[in-house]
Amino acid sequence: MSEENIDIPDNALTRCPKASFNMIRVARCAACPSFGGLADRFPGGQAPFARRYLVLCNAEPVKREVMELAEGGQE
């Protein structure tokens, strides 16, 4: 991950090993001592956050997929 500041959307979620692999907001990862940063799968690309980044987690060393929580219901 580069040293640039990355805006993490509120609806970005990932499975957390410290929360029994339940979904948590990616923004919470930044305060966790196990957080290893974000892996940019498409450096310089314009892909949406959830497609572009993976969470690097040292609690269970693996790159964690990011998903988006859909806001609102079906129309």
N, C-alpha and C. Protein backbone atom coordinates (compact mmCIF):
# COMPACT_ATOMS: atom_id res chain seq x y z
N MET A 1 0.86 -1.18 0.00
CA MET A 1 0.00 0.00 0.00
C MET A 1 0.90 1.22 0.00
N SER A 2 0.53 2.20 -0.76
CA SER A 2 1.31 3.43 -0.76
C SER A 2 0.94 4.24 0.47
N GLU A 3 1.69 5.31 0.69
CA GLU A 3 1.47 6.14 1.87
C GLU A 3 0.35 7.16 1.68
N GLU A 4 -0.32 7.15 0.55
CA GLU A 4 -1.41 8.09 0.32
C GLU A 4 -2.59 7.77 1.23
N ASN A 5 -3.38 8.78 1.55
CA ASN A 5 -4.60 8.56 2.33
C ASN A 5 -5.67 8.03 1.40
N ILE A 6 -6.32 6.98 1.82
CA ILE A 6 -7.37 6.36 1.02
C ILE A 6 -8.68 6.56 1.75
N ASP A 7 -9.67 7.10 1.05
CA ASP A 7 -11.00 7.27 1.63
C ASP A 7 -11.71 5.93 1.60
N ILE A 8 -12.07 5.43 2.78
CA ILE A 8 -12.78 4.16 2.88
C ILE A 8 -14.26 4.46 3.00
N PRO A 9 -15.06 4.00 2.03
CA PRO A 9 -16.50 4.27 2.08
C PRO A 9 -17.14 3.59 3.30
N ASP A 10 -18.17 4.21 3.85
CA ASP A 10 -18.87 3.67 5.02
C ASP A 10 -19.51 2.31 4.73
N ASN A 11 -19.84 2.05 3.47
CA ASN A 11 -20.52 0.80 3.13
C ASN A 11 -19.55 -0.32 2.76
N ALA A 12 -18.22 -0.12 2.94
CA ALA A 12 -17.23 -1.15 2.64
C ALA A 12 -17.14 -2.10 3.83
N LEU A 13 -17.34 -3.38 3.57
CA LEU A 13 -17.37 -4.41 4.61
C LEU A 13 -16.36 -5.50 4.32
N THR A 14 -15.91 -6.19 5.36
CA THR A 14 -15.05 -7.36 5.20
C THR A 14 -15.30 -8.32 6.35
N ARG A 15 -14.91 -9.58 6.18
CA ARG A 15 -15.06 -10.57 7.25
C ARG A 15 -13.86 -10.45 8.19
N CYS A 16 -14.14 -10.37 9.49
CA CYS A 16 -13.09 -10.15 10.49
C CYS A 16 -12.88 -11.40 11.34
N PRO A 17 -11.64 -11.93 11.38
CA PRO A 17 -11.39 -13.11 12.20
C PRO A 17 -11.56 -12.84 13.69
N LYS A 18 -11.38 -11.60 14.12
CA LYS A 18 -11.55 -11.27 15.54
C LYS A 18 -13.01 -11.13 15.92
N ALA A 19 -13.90 -11.10 14.93
CA ALA A 19 -15.34 -11.02 15.17
C ALA A 19 -16.02 -12.29 14.64
N SER A 20 -15.35 -13.43 14.80
CA SER A 20 -15.87 -14.73 14.34
C SER A 20 -16.19 -14.71 12.84
N PHE A 21 -15.42 -13.97 12.08
CA PHE A 21 -15.57 -13.83 10.63
C PHE A 21 -16.90 -13.21 10.22
N ASN A 22 -17.53 -12.50 11.16
CA ASN A 22 -18.71 -11.72 10.81
C ASN A 22 -18.26 -10.47 10.07
N MET A 23 -19.19 -9.83 9.40
CA MET A 23 -18.89 -8.64 8.62
C MET A 23 -18.69 -7.43 9.53
N ILE A 24 -17.65 -6.65 9.23
CA ILE A 24 -17.43 -5.38 9.92
C ILE A 24 -17.13 -4.32 8.86
N ARG A 25 -17.22 -3.07 9.24
CA ARG A 25 -16.87 -1.99 8.32
C ARG A 25 -15.35 -1.94 8.20
N VAL A 26 -14.86 -1.82 6.97
CA VAL A 26 -13.42 -1.76 6.71
C VAL A 26 -12.79 -0.58 7.46
N ALA A 27 -13.53 0.50 7.63
CA ALA A 27 -13.01 1.67 8.34
C ALA A 27 -12.54 1.30 9.75
N ARG A 28 -13.16 0.29 10.39
CA ARG A 28 -12.76 -0.14 11.73
C ARG A 28 -11.40 -0.83 11.72
N CYS A 29 -11.01 -1.38 10.59
CA CYS A 29 -9.73 -2.11 10.50
C CYS A 29 -8.55 -1.20 10.79
N ALA A 30 -8.64 0.06 10.39
CA ALA A 30 -7.52 0.98 10.54
C ALA A 30 -7.07 1.13 12.00
N ALA A 31 -7.96 0.93 12.96
CA ALA A 31 -7.63 1.07 14.37
C ALA A 31 -7.18 -0.26 15.00
N CYS A 32 -7.20 -1.32 14.24
CA CYS A 32 -6.87 -2.66 14.75
C CYS A 32 -5.36 -2.91 14.65
N PRO A 33 -4.74 -3.46 15.71
CA PRO A 33 -3.31 -3.75 15.65
C PRO A 33 -2.94 -4.82 14.61
N SER A 34 -3.92 -5.59 14.15
CA SER A 34 -3.66 -6.62 13.14
C SER A 34 -3.76 -6.10 11.71
N PHE A 35 -4.19 -4.85 11.55
CA PHE A 35 -4.37 -4.27 10.22
C PHE A 35 -3.02 -4.09 9.54
N GLY A 36 -2.88 -4.67 8.35
CA GLY A 36 -1.64 -4.57 7.59
C GLY A 36 -1.72 -3.63 6.42
N GLY A 37 -2.84 -2.93 6.29
CA GLY A 37 -3.02 -1.99 5.19
C GLY A 37 -4.00 -2.51 4.16
N LEU A 38 -4.01 -1.85 3.03
CA LEU A 38 -4.88 -2.23 1.92
C LEU A 38 -4.01 -2.59 0.73
N ALA A 39 -4.34 -3.67 0.04
CA ALA A 39 -3.63 -4.06 -1.17
C ALA A 39 -4.41 -3.50 -2.36
N ASP A 40 -3.75 -2.73 -3.18
CA ASP A 40 -4.37 -2.13 -4.36
C ASP A 40 -4.21 -3.10 -5.52
N ARG A 41 -5.32 -3.70 -5.94
CA ARG A 41 -5.28 -4.68 -7.02
C ARG A 41 -5.13 -4.03 -8.39
N PHE A 42 -5.53 -2.77 -8.51
CA PHE A 42 -5.47 -2.05 -9.78
C PHE A 42 -4.83 -0.68 -9.56
N PRO A 43 -3.52 -0.62 -9.26
CA PRO A 43 -2.88 0.66 -8.96
C PRO A 43 -3.16 1.72 -10.03
N GLY A 44 -3.60 2.87 -9.56
CA GLY A 44 -3.89 3.97 -10.47
C GLY A 44 -5.20 3.81 -11.22
N GLY A 45 -5.90 2.71 -10.99
CA GLY A 45 -7.15 2.44 -11.70
C GLY A 45 -8.32 3.22 -11.13
N GLN A 46 -9.42 3.12 -11.81
CA GLN A 46 -10.63 3.82 -11.40
C GLN A 46 -11.71 2.85 -10.91
N ALA A 47 -11.32 1.63 -10.58
CA ALA A 47 -12.29 0.63 -10.12
C ALA A 47 -12.91 1.09 -8.80
N PRO A 48 -14.15 0.69 -8.52
CA PRO A 48 -14.78 1.02 -7.24
C PRO A 48 -13.95 0.43 -6.09
N PHE A 49 -14.03 1.05 -4.92
CA PHE A 49 -13.24 0.66 -3.75
C PHE A 49 -13.29 -0.84 -3.50
N ALA A 50 -14.48 -1.42 -3.46
CA ALA A 50 -14.63 -2.83 -3.10
C ALA A 50 -13.96 -3.76 -4.11
N ARG A 51 -13.86 -3.37 -5.35
CA ARG A 51 -13.17 -4.17 -6.36
C ARG A 51 -11.67 -3.93 -6.35
N ARG A 52 -11.31 -2.71 -6.06
CA ARG A 52 -9.91 -2.31 -6.18
C ARG A 52 -9.03 -2.78 -5.02
N TYR A 53 -9.56 -2.79 -3.78
CA TYR A 53 -8.73 -3.05 -2.61
C TYR A 53 -9.05 -4.37 -1.92
N LEU A 54 -8.04 -4.93 -1.28
CA LEU A 54 -8.16 -6.07 -0.38
C LEU A 54 -7.59 -5.64 0.96
N VAL A 55 -8.15 -6.13 2.06
CA VAL A 55 -7.66 -5.82 3.39
C VAL A 55 -6.56 -6.81 3.74
N LEU A 56 -5.41 -6.30 4.18
CA LEU A 56 -4.31 -7.14 4.64
C LEU A 56 -4.47 -7.29 6.16
N CYS A 57 -4.70 -8.51 6.60
CA CYS A 57 -4.99 -8.78 8.01
C CYS A 57 -3.94 -9.72 8.58
N ASN A 58 -3.31 -9.31 9.67
CA ASN A 58 -2.28 -10.14 10.29
C ASN A 58 -2.84 -11.06 11.38
N ALA A 59 -4.13 -10.91 11.74
CA ALA A 59 -4.74 -11.80 12.72
C ALA A 59 -4.85 -13.20 12.13
N GLU A 60 -5.25 -13.29 10.89
CA GLU A 60 -5.26 -14.51 10.10
C GLU A 60 -4.67 -14.08 8.77
N PRO A 61 -3.35 -14.24 8.60
CA PRO A 61 -2.68 -13.66 7.44
C PRO A 61 -3.23 -14.12 6.10
N VAL A 62 -4.08 -13.30 5.58
CA VAL A 62 -4.69 -13.54 4.27
C VAL A 62 -5.24 -12.21 3.79
N LYS A 63 -5.33 -12.06 2.51
CA LYS A 63 -5.95 -10.85 1.95
C LYS A 63 -7.46 -11.06 1.98
N ARG A 64 -8.16 -10.13 2.60
CA ARG A 64 -9.61 -10.24 2.77
C ARG A 64 -10.34 -9.42 1.72
N GLU A 65 -11.32 -10.04 1.11
CA GLU A 65 -12.15 -9.37 0.12
C GLU A 65 -12.97 -8.27 0.78
N VAL A 66 -13.16 -7.20 0.05
CA VAL A 66 -14.01 -6.10 0.50
C VAL A 66 -15.32 -6.19 -0.28
N MET A 67 -16.43 -6.01 0.41
CA MET A 67 -17.75 -6.01 -0.21
C MET A 67 -18.42 -4.69 0.10
N GLU A 68 -19.49 -4.39 -0.62
CA GLU A 68 -20.24 -3.16 -0.38
C GLU A 68 -21.61 -3.49 0.15
N LEU A 69 -22.04 -2.72 1.13
CA LEU A 69 -23.39 -2.83 1.66
C LEU A 69 -24.28 -1.95 0.80
N ALA A 70 -25.30 -2.53 0.20
CA ALA A 70 -26.22 -1.76 -0.63
C ALA A 70 -27.06 -0.88 0.26
N GLU A 71 -27.09 0.39 -0.04
CA GLU A 71 -27.88 1.35 0.73
C GLU A 71 -29.29 1.37 0.17
N GLY A 72 -30.27 1.34 1.06
CA GLY A 72 -31.67 1.39 0.61
C GLY A 72 -32.13 0.01 0.17
N GLY A 73 -33.40 -0.09 -0.12
CA GLY A 73 -33.97 -1.35 -0.56
C GLY A 73 -34.19 -1.35 -2.05
N GLN A 74 -34.82 -2.41 -2.50
CA GLN A 74 -35.15 -2.51 -3.91
C GLN A 74 -36.29 -1.55 -4.22
N GLU A 75 -36.21 -0.96 -5.32
CA GLU A 75 -37.24 0.00 -5.75
C GLU A 75 -38.39 -0.71 -6.41
